[in-house]
Protein backbone atom coordinates (compact mmCIF):
# COMPACT_ATOMS: atom_id res chain seq x y z
CA MET A 1 0.16 -0.01 0.04
CA THR A 2 1.61 3.35 -1.18
CA GLN A 3 1.58 6.10 1.07
CA GLN A 4 -1.31 7.99 -0.67
CA GLU A 5 -3.32 5.12 -0.14
CA GLN A 6 -2.43 4.76 3.65
CA LEU A 7 -3.32 8.30 3.94
CA ALA A 8 -6.62 8.29 1.87
CA ARG A 9 -7.66 5.48 4.00
CA TRP A 10 -7.13 7.24 7.42
CA ARG A 11 -9.15 10.21 5.70
CA LEU A 12 -12.20 7.75 5.50
CA ILE A 13 -11.55 6.79 8.81
CA LEU A 14 -11.62 9.94 10.63
CA GLY A 15 -14.38 11.75 8.66
CA ALA A 16 -14.72 14.82 6.88
CA GLU A 17 -13.74 17.42 9.66
CA SER A 18 -10.31 15.51 9.14
CA GLN A 19 -9.77 16.78 5.89
CA PRO A 20 -7.88 20.19 6.02
CA ASP A 21 -5.21 18.18 8.42
CA PHE A 22 -4.92 15.80 5.42
CA THR A 23 -4.43 18.50 3.12
CA GLY A 24 -1.85 19.66 4.79
CA MET A 25 0.24 16.43 4.88
CA GLY A 26 0.07 17.04 0.74
CA ALA A 27 -2.79 13.89 0.91
CA ALA A 28 -4.22 13.58 -2.63
CA PRO A 29 -8.07 14.34 -3.02
CA LEU A 30 -10.23 11.57 -2.51
CA SER A 31 -11.31 9.97 -5.83
CA GLN A 32 -15.09 9.41 -7.31
CA GLU A 33 -15.69 6.49 -5.33
CA GLU A 34 -13.86 7.18 -2.32
CA LEU A 35 -16.15 10.35 -1.95
CA LEU A 36 -19.16 8.07 -2.68
CA LEU A 37 -17.85 5.97 0.25
CA ASP A 38 -17.16 8.56 2.50
CA GLY A 39 -20.57 9.91 1.87
CA ALA A 40 -22.38 6.98 2.47
CA LEU A 41 -20.91 6.01 5.44
CA ALA A 42 -20.86 9.85 6.99
CA ALA A 43 -24.83 9.55 6.98
CA ILE A 44 -24.57 7.20 9.54
CA TYR A 45 -21.27 7.42 11.25
CA GLY A 46 -20.69 11.07 11.05
CA GLY A 47 -21.20 13.95 13.07
CA PRO A 48 -24.24 15.58 14.12
CA GLY A 49 -24.08 18.12 10.95
CA GLU A 50 -24.03 14.72 8.31
CA SER A 51 -27.24 13.32 7.09
CA PHE A 52 -28.64 11.97 3.79
CA GLY A 53 -28.68 14.83 1.83
CA PRO A 54 -31.66 17.82 1.97
CA ALA A 55 -34.48 17.18 4.01
CA GLY A 56 -37.65 16.41 2.32
CA GLN A 57 -40.24 19.31 0.92
CA GLY A 58 -42.98 19.48 3.48
CA GLY A 59 -43.59 20.35 6.98
CA GLY A 60 -40.61 17.68 8.43
CA ARG A 61 -37.19 18.35 9.07
CA GLY A 62 -35.98 14.84 8.36
CA PRO A 63 -34.32 13.23 5.59
CA SER A 64 -36.93 12.05 2.97
CA ALA A 65 -37.46 8.63 1.35
CA PRO A 66 -35.94 9.35 -2.35
CA HIS A 67 -32.65 10.60 -0.72
CA ILE A 68 -32.41 7.48 1.51
CA SER A 69 -33.06 5.41 -1.39
CA LYS A 70 -30.34 7.12 -3.34
CA TRP A 71 -28.08 6.28 -0.11
CA LEU A 72 -29.41 2.67 -0.22
CA GLY A 73 -28.10 2.54 -4.06
CA ASP A 74 -24.96 3.94 -3.27
CA LEU A 75 -24.32 1.60 -0.37
CA ARG A 76 -25.10 -1.27 -2.47
CA SER A 77 -22.74 -0.42 -5.15
CA LEU A 78 -19.80 -0.44 -2.28
CA PHE A 79 -20.52 -3.08 -0.65
CA ASP A 80 -21.56 -7.09 -0.32
CA PRO A 81 -24.93 -7.53 0.70
CA GLU A 82 -23.94 -8.67 4.47
CA ILE A 83 -21.97 -5.60 5.20
CA VAL A 84 -25.21 -3.29 3.41
CA ALA A 85 -27.44 -5.16 6.19
CA VAL A 86 -25.27 -4.68 8.84
CA VAL A 87 -25.17 -0.50 8.04
CA GLN A 88 -28.93 -0.63 7.46
CA ASN A 89 -29.44 -1.87 10.64
CA ASP A 90 -27.46 0.72 12.08
CA ALA A 91 -29.00 3.72 10.11
CA ILE A 92 -32.36 2.46 11.60
CA GLU A 93 -31.09 2.73 15.51
CA ARG A 94 -28.52 5.76 15.20
CA LYS A 95 -30.83 7.97 12.65
CA GLY A 96 -34.27 6.94 14.27
CA LEU A 97 -35.33 5.84 10.82
CA ARG A 98 -38.15 3.44 11.43
CA GLN A 99 -40.88 4.69 10.18
CA LEU A 100 -39.51 5.42 7.15
CA LEU A 101 -39.55 1.29 6.81
CA LEU A 102 -43.12 2.19 5.83
CA GLU A 103 -42.53 3.89 3.09
CA PRO A 104 -42.64 1.69 -0.52
CA GLU A 105 -39.54 3.40 -2.10
CA LEU A 106 -37.79 2.26 0.60
CA LEU A 107 -38.85 -1.24 1.06
CA GLU A 108 -38.40 -1.98 -1.97
CA GLY A 109 -34.40 -0.99 -1.89
CA LEU A 110 -33.58 -2.88 1.60
CA GLU A 111 -31.50 -5.45 1.36
CA PRO A 112 -33.36 -8.70 3.29
CA ASP A 113 -32.34 -8.50 7.15
CA LEU A 114 -34.09 -10.26 9.69
CA ASN A 115 -33.50 -7.34 12.25
CA LEU A 116 -35.16 -5.07 10.13
CA ALA A 117 -37.98 -7.84 9.35
CA SER A 118 -38.60 -8.01 12.84
CA THR A 119 -39.02 -4.70 13.38
CA LEU A 120 -41.14 -4.35 10.08
CA LEU A 121 -43.65 -6.96 11.38
CA MET A 122 -43.97 -5.25 15.04
CA LEU A 123 -45.31 -2.20 13.02
CA LYS A 124 -47.46 -4.17 10.89
CA ASP A 125 -50.91 -2.52 12.32
CA GLN A 126 -49.01 0.80 11.20
CA ILE A 127 -48.51 -0.20 7.72
CA PRO A 128 -50.15 2.30 5.73
CA LYS A 129 -52.22 0.75 2.65
CA LYS A 130 -50.11 2.12 -0.08
CA SER A 131 -47.07 0.09 1.50
CA LYS A 132 -48.97 -3.36 2.37
CA GLU A 133 -47.78 -4.95 -1.01
CA ALA A 134 -43.95 -3.89 -0.70
CA ALA A 135 -43.68 -5.21 3.22
CA ARG A 136 -44.94 -8.23 2.18
CA ASN A 137 -42.53 -8.51 -0.89
CA PHE A 138 -40.18 -7.76 1.91
CA ILE A 139 -40.76 -10.60 4.01
CA ARG A 140 -41.33 -13.10 1.24
CA LYS A 141 -37.60 -12.72 0.42
CA LEU A 142 -36.15 -13.19 3.37
CA VAL A 143 -38.62 -16.08 3.72
CA GLU A 144 -37.30 -17.37 0.40
CA GLN A 145 -33.62 -17.33 1.60
CA ILE A 146 -34.83 -19.32 4.91
CA ASN A 147 -36.95 -21.83 2.81
CA ARG A 148 -33.91 -22.76 0.66
CA LEU A 149 -31.75 -23.01 3.78
CA LEU A 150 -34.05 -25.65 5.24
CA GLU A 151 -36.48 -26.98 2.74
CA GLU A 152 -34.87 -29.89 1.18
CA ASP A 153 -32.72 -30.97 4.53
CA MET A 154 -36.37 -30.75 6.53
CA HIS A 155 -37.64 -33.29 3.82
CA ARG A 156 -34.66 -35.94 4.20
CA ALA A 157 -35.05 -35.51 7.99
CA VAL A 158 -38.74 -36.51 8.25
CA THR A 159 -38.15 -39.59 5.45
CA ALA A 160 -34.88 -40.81 6.96
CA ALA A 161 -36.86 -41.14 10.66
CA LEU A 162 -39.78 -42.14 9.38
CA ASN A 163 -38.04 -44.54 6.92
CA ARG A 164 -36.12 -46.39 10.04
CA ARG A 165 -39.41 -47.84 11.52
CA ALA A 166 -40.31 -51.69 11.34
CA HIS A 167 -41.57 -52.99 8.19
CA SER A 168 -44.81 -54.31 8.13
CA PRO A 169 -45.94 -58.14 7.07
CA LEU A 170 -48.96 -56.94 5.55
CA PRO A 171 -48.61 -56.87 1.94
CA SER A 172 -49.94 -53.39 0.27
CA ALA A 173 -48.72 -52.25 -3.41
CA ALA A 174 -49.13 -48.62 -2.27
CA ALA A 175 -47.00 -49.29 0.73
CA ILE A 176 -43.43 -51.15 -0.77
CA ASP A 177 -40.42 -49.75 0.72
CA PHE A 178 -38.71 -49.84 -3.05
CA ALA A 179 -35.36 -48.60 -1.85
CA TYR A 180 -34.69 -51.33 1.01
CA THR A 181 -36.34 -53.93 -1.21
CA ILE A 182 -33.82 -53.37 -4.02
CA ARG A 183 -31.01 -53.45 -1.41
CA ARG A 184 -31.89 -56.57 -0.15
CA ASN A 185 -32.16 -58.35 -3.29
CA LEU A 186 -29.63 -57.16 -5.16
CA HIS A 187 -28.08 -60.42 -5.12
CA ASN A 188 -31.04 -61.82 -7.02
CA TYR A 189 -30.13 -59.48 -10.04
CA ARG A 190 -30.62 -61.82 -13.63
CA PRO A 191 -28.12 -60.76 -16.39
CA GLU A 192 -30.27 -62.30 -19.10
CA LEU A 193 -33.31 -60.75 -17.77
CA GLY A 194 -31.91 -57.30 -17.33
CA THR A 195 -33.45 -57.02 -13.55
CA ILE A 196 -33.70 -57.87 -10.18
CA VAL A 197 -35.79 -60.73 -8.81
CA PRO A 198 -37.04 -60.54 -5.30
CA GLU A 199 -37.55 -62.93 -2.89
CA ARG A 200 -39.12 -60.93 -0.96
CA VAL A 201 -40.82 -57.70 -0.72
CA TRP A 202 -40.66 -54.95 2.23
CA PHE A 203 -43.85 -52.92 2.76
CA PHE A 204 -44.17 -49.70 5.27
CA ASP A 205 -45.91 -50.24 8.30
CA ARG A 206 -48.90 -47.71 7.12
CA SER A 207 -48.90 -46.16 10.56
CA SER A 208 -45.67 -44.66 10.01
CA ARG A 209 -46.47 -43.33 6.85
CA THR A 210 -50.04 -41.18 7.76
CA ASN A 211 -49.92 -38.47 10.60
CA HIS A 212 -47.83 -40.97 12.84
CA TRP A 213 -46.47 -37.93 14.57
CA HIS A 214 -47.81 -34.52 16.22
CA ILE A 215 -45.15 -31.67 16.14
CA ILE A 216 -46.45 -28.84 18.70
CA LEU A 217 -44.13 -25.39 17.79
CA ASP A 218 -45.04 -23.09 21.10
CA ILE A 219 -43.50 -20.10 20.20
CA ASP A 220 -43.11 -16.99 22.19
CA GLN A 221 -43.93 -13.77 20.13
CA SER A 222 -42.16 -11.08 22.40
CA GLY A 223 -40.05 -8.28 20.40
CA SER A 224 -36.34 -10.46 21.74
CA MET A 225 -37.75 -13.26 19.69
CA GLY A 226 -37.79 -11.78 15.85
CA PRO A 227 -35.30 -14.15 14.31
CA SER A 228 -36.62 -17.15 15.88
CA ILE A 229 -39.92 -16.52 15.23
CA PHE A 230 -38.71 -16.50 11.79
CA TYR A 231 -37.15 -19.66 11.19
CA SER A 232 -39.58 -21.23 13.34
CA SER A 233 -42.37 -19.89 10.77
CA VAL A 234 -40.71 -21.24 7.68
CA MET A 235 -39.93 -24.78 9.40
CA ALA A 236 -44.25 -24.63 10.54
CA CYS A 237 -45.13 -24.41 7.06
CA ILE A 238 -42.31 -27.01 5.63
CA LEU A 239 -43.70 -29.64 8.21
CA ALA A 240 -47.19 -28.82 7.38
CA SER A 241 -46.95 -29.63 3.83
CA MET A 242 -45.81 -33.00 4.78
CA THR A 243 -48.04 -36.07 5.23
CA ALA A 244 -46.08 -37.77 7.26
CA VAL A 245 -46.59 -35.48 10.51
CA ARG A 246 -49.42 -32.93 11.94
CA THR A 247 -48.09 -29.75 12.75
CA HIS A 248 -49.56 -27.19 15.42
CA VAL A 249 -48.54 -23.59 15.79
CA VAL A 250 -49.02 -21.89 19.10
CA ALA A 251 -48.14 -18.34 19.40
CA PHE A 252 -48.38 -16.44 22.89
CA ASP A 253 -47.36 -13.06 24.45
CA THR A 254 -49.83 -12.95 27.35
CA GLN A 255 -52.31 -14.28 24.97
CA ILE A 256 -52.73 -17.48 23.19
CA MET A 257 -52.92 -17.62 19.37
CA ASP A 258 -53.57 -20.77 17.18
CA LEU A 259 -52.19 -20.15 14.12
CA THR A 260 -52.39 -23.52 12.38
CA PRO A 261 -54.80 -22.28 9.68
CA LEU A 262 -51.95 -19.91 8.68
CA CYS A 263 -49.77 -22.98 8.02
CA VAL A 264 -49.78 -22.83 4.17
CA ASP A 265 -48.44 -19.74 3.51
CA PRO A 266 -45.37 -18.30 5.73
CA VAL A 267 -45.48 -14.90 5.19
CA ASP A 268 -49.50 -15.36 6.01
CA LEU A 269 -48.01 -16.84 9.14
CA LEU A 270 -45.71 -13.97 9.66
CA PHE A 271 -48.24 -11.44 9.75
CA GLY A 272 -50.34 -13.46 12.01
CA PHE A 273 -48.17 -12.88 15.39
CA GLN A 274 -48.61 -10.47 17.62
CA MET A 275 -44.91 -9.03 18.45
CA GLY A 276 -44.11 -7.42 21.71
CA GLY A 277 -45.50 -7.08 25.13
CA GLY A 278 -45.68 -9.64 27.76
CA THR A 279 -45.20 -13.49 28.16
CA ASP A 280 -47.10 -16.22 30.00
CA ILE A 281 -45.55 -19.06 29.06
CA ALA A 282 -47.28 -21.31 31.88
CA ARG A 283 -50.67 -20.47 30.07
CA SER A 284 -49.20 -21.45 26.66
CA ILE A 285 -47.88 -24.49 27.85
CA ALA A 286 -51.30 -25.53 29.35
CA TYR A 287 -53.02 -24.67 26.44
CA CYS A 288 -50.64 -26.99 24.22
CA GLN A 289 -51.28 -29.83 26.57
CA GLY A 290 -54.87 -29.64 25.18
CA LEU A 291 -54.00 -30.53 21.94
CA VAL A 292 -52.00 -33.55 22.69
CA GLU A 293 -53.77 -37.19 21.94
CA GLU A 294 -51.21 -39.41 21.85
CA PRO A 295 -48.21 -38.79 24.12
CA SER A 296 -45.79 -40.90 22.87
CA LYS A 297 -46.10 -39.81 19.40
CA THR A 298 -45.71 -35.94 20.00
CA ILE A 299 -42.83 -33.58 20.19
CA PHE A 300 -43.43 -30.46 21.97
CA PHE A 301 -40.92 -27.61 20.85
CA LEU A 302 -41.00 -24.52 23.59
CA ILE A 303 -39.27 -21.74 21.73
CA SER A 304 -38.67 -19.07 24.04
CA ASP A 305 -36.05 -16.88 26.21
CA LEU A 306 -38.28 -18.07 28.91
CA GLU A 307 -38.72 -14.55 30.40
CA GLU A 308 -41.72 -15.36 32.37
CA GLY A 309 -44.01 -12.89 33.02
CA GLY A 310 -46.65 -15.63 34.60
CA ASN A 311 -46.10 -18.07 37.13
CA ARG A 312 -42.44 -19.52 36.55
CA ALA A 313 -43.33 -22.40 38.95
CA GLY A 314 -46.44 -23.09 36.63
CA LEU A 315 -43.78 -23.25 34.00
CA LEU A 316 -41.80 -25.50 35.06
CA ARG A 317 -44.77 -27.95 36.62
CA ARG A 318 -46.30 -27.68 33.33
CA LEU A 319 -43.62 -28.77 31.28
CA GLU A 320 -42.65 -31.57 33.88
CA GLU A 321 -46.32 -32.97 33.23
CA LEU A 322 -45.85 -33.03 29.78
CA LYS A 323 -42.47 -34.36 29.57
CA GLY A 324 -44.04 -37.10 32.46
CA SER A 325 -46.91 -37.91 30.41
CA GLY A 326 -44.54 -39.18 27.30
CA VAL A 327 -44.56 -36.45 24.85
CA THR A 328 -40.98 -35.14 23.84
CA VAL A 329 -40.19 -32.04 25.24
CA VAL A 330 -37.65 -29.72 23.69
CA VAL A 331 -36.84 -25.94 24.73
CA LEU A 332 -35.22 -24.02 21.99
CA LEU A 333 -34.09 -20.79 23.75
CA ALA A 334 -33.23 -18.91 20.30
CA ILE A 335 -32.55 -20.02 16.51
CA ALA A 336 -29.94 -17.93 15.76
CA ASP A 337 -26.55 -17.96 13.62
CA ARG A 338 -24.75 -15.33 15.58
CA GLY A 339 -23.97 -14.11 18.76
CA LYS A 340 -24.49 -15.89 22.19
CA PRO A 341 -28.61 -15.88 22.85
CA TYR A 342 -30.14 -13.66 26.10
CA TYR A 343 -32.11 -15.74 28.12
CA ASP A 344 -33.21 -16.15 31.32
CA ALA A 345 -30.39 -18.43 32.83
CA GLN A 346 -31.99 -19.51 36.12
CA THR A 347 -35.62 -21.02 34.50
CA ALA A 348 -33.19 -22.40 32.02
CA GLN A 349 -30.81 -24.44 34.01
CA ARG A 350 -34.05 -25.48 36.12
CA ILE A 351 -35.28 -26.97 33.28
CA ALA A 352 -32.20 -28.74 32.23
CA GLY A 353 -31.94 -30.13 35.63
CA MET A 354 -35.64 -31.89 34.75
CA ASP A 355 -33.51 -33.58 32.13
CA ILE A 356 -35.37 -31.69 29.21
CA PRO A 357 -32.77 -30.42 26.72
CA CYS A 358 -32.85 -26.39 26.91
CA PHE A 359 -30.32 -24.86 24.45
CA ALA A 360 -30.21 -22.65 21.41
CA CYS A 361 -29.75 -23.47 17.70
CA ALA A 362 -28.34 -22.68 14.78
CA PRO A 363 -30.77 -22.45 11.82
CA ASP A 364 -28.87 -24.87 9.84
CA ARG A 365 -28.96 -27.55 12.66
CA LEU A 366 -32.87 -27.63 12.70
CA PRO A 367 -33.07 -30.78 9.92
CA GLU A 368 -30.45 -32.52 12.05
CA LEU A 369 -32.20 -31.46 15.65
CA LEU A 370 -35.82 -32.77 14.02
CA GLU A 371 -34.23 -36.05 12.68
CA ARG A 372 -32.75 -36.58 16.32
CA VAL A 373 -36.11 -35.93 18.43
CA LEU A 374 -38.09 -37.89 15.46
CA LYS A 375 -35.61 -40.68 16.08
CA LYS A 376 -35.79 -40.56 19.80
CA GLN A 377 -31.77 -40.21 19.99
CA ASP A 378 -30.24 -38.69 22.89
CA LEU A 379 -29.98 -34.76 22.23
CA THR A 380 -26.69 -34.84 24.57
CA VAL A 381 -24.54 -35.66 21.38
CA PHE A 382 -26.49 -33.11 19.15
CA THR A 383 -25.64 -29.97 21.67
CA ALA A 384 -22.08 -31.13 22.92
CA ASN A 385 -20.06 -28.45 21.02
CA ASP A 386 -23.10 -25.99 21.19
CA THR A 387 -22.31 -22.95 22.85
CA GLY A 388 -26.09 -22.37 23.46
CA LYS A 389 -26.38 -25.38 25.44
CA VAL A 390 -27.53 -24.93 29.04
CA PRO A 391 -25.87 -27.25 31.83
CA ALA A 392 -28.09 -28.44 34.64
CA PRO A 393 -27.34 -27.39 37.91
CA ALA A 394 -25.09 -28.80 39.93
CA PRO A 395 -26.51 -31.01 43.28
CA ASP A 396 -26.10 -29.16 46.59
CA ARG A 397 -23.35 -30.24 48.30
CA LYS A 398 -23.59 -30.55 51.79
């Protein structure tokens, strides 16, 4: 790196107010691209006088949507999408631009991002009619990204879990396990016929192919759970599309909402959440208990940071009752791909001490988790290297 390049880099770091000092040191003027970069970052990270450009026409003194749209365009020309998403979030937080998320022109230019999408869902009742379609399109972009991450592996996980189950002695053409039958009869290949002549045909247990499992997702819709709500919703819609499992989706704050009918479209499901407010986890678990028909064939996922505003003792008692009845219970403190999750550590430790798996999960590990749960495998291996895992409390020493 030349001396001029070093000076230019320091000038960009220190901002426009340092320009006279660099001119005195013989620094060359910034190039057009460097000036564009300087302006784009100064709008967010500069001093009090820095902004997006001229204020909009009318009574307001803040920057107008067109100026922000131009700024977003500059940003995308300078940085990769991951960096654009970070700067977008900083713009919302530092410059108080939350209300501008409701402008259709701005929404169309934003890079899909979980935090911005969560903010948009919290503001959904304030979205004007002119912006509703743009808001749905913004949410759908993010849903499609998550769906690409999860769908194929989620289908594979469920199929792998169900295909391991015992075969039935009752013959049925509709229930032939072709893959297993071919594999077991490879030694019966007849070259002269160019085909396999099977000695025996294996059939799936019909009960394992039609709604054998009941999966209940009980989702905390407090504001801090935004990213987890997105991943849970896409996961729920994928599961709801599969005939091998029956899926229920319940959302809660201090009230309970059964969102199962919305599982056809993840965007509709997401707009069904009412993010924000307090929590009554115990009440929600009690509702979910009423959905259980066959405990040994039911999986209950509580997705919550465990910040209980209701009856904490009741929460623990309800979880213990579910587990004791034969339901498979898993508590996910967060579904997030970076950072250490925030949760009520004391409650989490109490739950872990009840021998209920309690941990945070990276989104790309959800299919693996689901497969292990469906196979009733020990989740200790799954969470062994997970920084979000909650250790069980140490026994009292007397």
